[in-house]
């Protein structure tokens, strides 16, 4: 059984957008954004609420960067491709350092 996608995991509100905000950013309809959340796993329902869309994952979809999206959804935040999206969104502090994950350097 495939592992659940790691979108917005660990959760930090700064990474998320409402579907309305994602609609403005992507210049797409809200229906399209919700379908992308479902089909591409770029968002999730937090605490059973409405969709919250990852800024990082949305940028990957908009850029057609399937490899970075796969790494992000697998939970690989340290990948240079993924980390660059966090940096572009000014969220670099959400990328765990190697040491922070309990590994020696």
Protein backbone atom coordinates (compact mmCIF):
# COMPACT_ATOMS: atom_id res chain seq x y z
CA UNK A 1 0.00 0.00 0.00
CA UNK A 2 1.49 3.38 -0.97
CA UNK A 3 2.41 5.78 1.79
CA UNK A 4 0.15 8.77 2.35
CA UNK A 5 1.48 11.90 0.60
CA UNK A 6 3.38 14.25 2.89
CA UNK A 7 1.70 17.46 1.77
CA UNK A 8 1.84 20.08 4.52
CA UNK A 9 3.61 17.55 6.77
CA UNK A 10 4.86 18.63 9.17
CA UNK A 11 2.11 21.22 9.26
CA UNK A 12 3.03 24.90 9.38
CA UNK A 13 0.31 27.41 8.55
CA UNK A 14 2.81 29.65 6.74
CA UNK A 15 3.13 27.08 3.95
CA UNK A 16 -0.61 26.94 3.30
CA UNK A 17 -2.96 28.93 1.12
CA UNK A 18 -6.74 28.91 1.05
CA UNK A 19 -8.19 27.71 -2.24
CA UNK A 20 -9.24 31.33 -2.91
CA UNK A 21 -5.66 32.56 -2.47
CA UNK A 22 -4.34 29.67 -4.57
CA UNK A 23 -6.86 30.60 -7.27
CA UNK A 24 -5.47 34.13 -7.43
CA UNK A 25 -1.87 32.95 -7.44
CA UNK A 26 -2.40 30.29 -10.11
CA UNK A 27 -4.87 32.28 -12.24
CA UNK A 28 -7.12 29.21 -12.33
CA UNK A 29 -10.62 28.52 -11.06
CA UNK A 30 -11.26 27.35 -7.53
CA UNK A 31 -12.67 24.13 -8.98
CA UNK A 32 -9.36 23.52 -10.76
CA UNK A 33 -7.42 24.14 -7.54
CA UNK A 34 -9.61 21.65 -5.65
CA UNK A 35 -9.12 19.10 -8.44
CA UNK A 36 -5.35 19.60 -8.26
CA UNK A 37 -5.53 19.06 -4.50
CA UNK A 38 -7.30 15.78 -5.12
CA UNK A 39 -5.39 14.63 -8.20
CA UNK A 40 -1.88 15.93 -7.45
CA UNK A 41 -2.02 15.89 -3.64
CA UNK A 42 -1.00 19.56 -3.37
CA UNK A 43 -3.33 20.27 -0.48
CA UNK A 44 -5.07 18.65 2.41
CA UNK A 45 -7.96 19.08 4.76
CA UNK A 46 -6.44 20.20 8.05
CA UNK A 47 -8.45 19.10 11.09
CA UNK A 48 -11.36 18.20 8.79
CA UNK A 49 -11.66 21.78 7.54
CA UNK A 50 -11.56 23.18 4.01
CA UNK A 51 -8.69 22.54 1.63
CA UNK A 52 -5.39 24.15 2.51
CA UNK A 53 -3.01 24.28 -0.48
CA UNK A 54 0.76 24.07 -0.15
CA UNK A 55 2.43 27.13 -1.68
CA UNK A 56 5.43 24.94 -2.43
CA UNK A 57 3.48 22.13 -4.11
CA UNK A 58 1.35 24.60 -6.07
CA UNK A 59 4.49 26.22 -7.47
CA UNK A 60 5.79 22.79 -8.49
CA UNK A 61 2.56 22.04 -10.38
CA UNK A 62 2.57 25.45 -12.04
CA UNK A 63 6.19 24.90 -13.12
CA UNK A 64 5.49 21.36 -14.34
CA UNK A 65 8.17 20.07 -11.97
CA UNK A 66 6.93 16.51 -11.42
CA UNK A 67 10.25 15.29 -10.00
CA UNK A 68 10.29 17.94 -7.27
CA UNK A 69 6.62 17.27 -6.49
CA UNK A 70 7.30 13.53 -6.11
CA UNK A 71 10.19 14.27 -3.73
CA UNK A 72 8.07 16.76 -1.75
CA UNK A 73 5.16 14.31 -1.44
CA UNK A 74 7.59 11.59 -0.33
CA UNK A 75 8.63 13.87 2.53
CA UNK A 76 12.06 14.81 1.14
CA UNK A 77 12.33 18.47 2.14
CA UNK A 78 16.15 18.52 1.98
CA UNK A 79 16.32 17.66 -1.72
CA UNK A 80 17.90 20.65 -3.51
CA UNK A 81 14.95 20.75 -5.94
CA UNK A 82 12.42 20.86 -3.10
CA UNK A 83 14.44 23.17 -0.86
CA UNK A 84 14.67 25.69 -3.70
CA UNK A 85 10.87 25.99 -3.76
CA UNK A 86 10.79 26.55 0.00
CA UNK A 87 13.47 29.22 -0.45
CA UNK A 88 11.51 30.92 -3.25
CA UNK A 89 8.51 31.13 -0.91
CA UNK A 90 10.75 32.49 1.89
CA UNK A 91 10.10 29.35 3.92
CA UNK A 92 13.64 27.99 4.16
CA UNK A 93 13.29 27.66 7.92
CA UNK A 94 10.73 24.87 7.25
CA UNK A 95 13.39 22.73 5.56
CA UNK A 96 14.91 20.52 8.26
CA UNK A 97 18.64 20.50 8.53
CA UNK A 98 20.41 17.19 8.41
CA UNK A 99 21.40 17.60 12.05
CA UNK A 100 17.85 18.53 13.14
CA UNK A 101 16.62 15.17 11.92
CA UNK A 102 18.96 13.42 14.32
CA UNK A 103 21.77 12.53 11.94
CA UNK A 104 25.44 13.17 12.51
CA UNK A 105 27.30 15.14 9.88
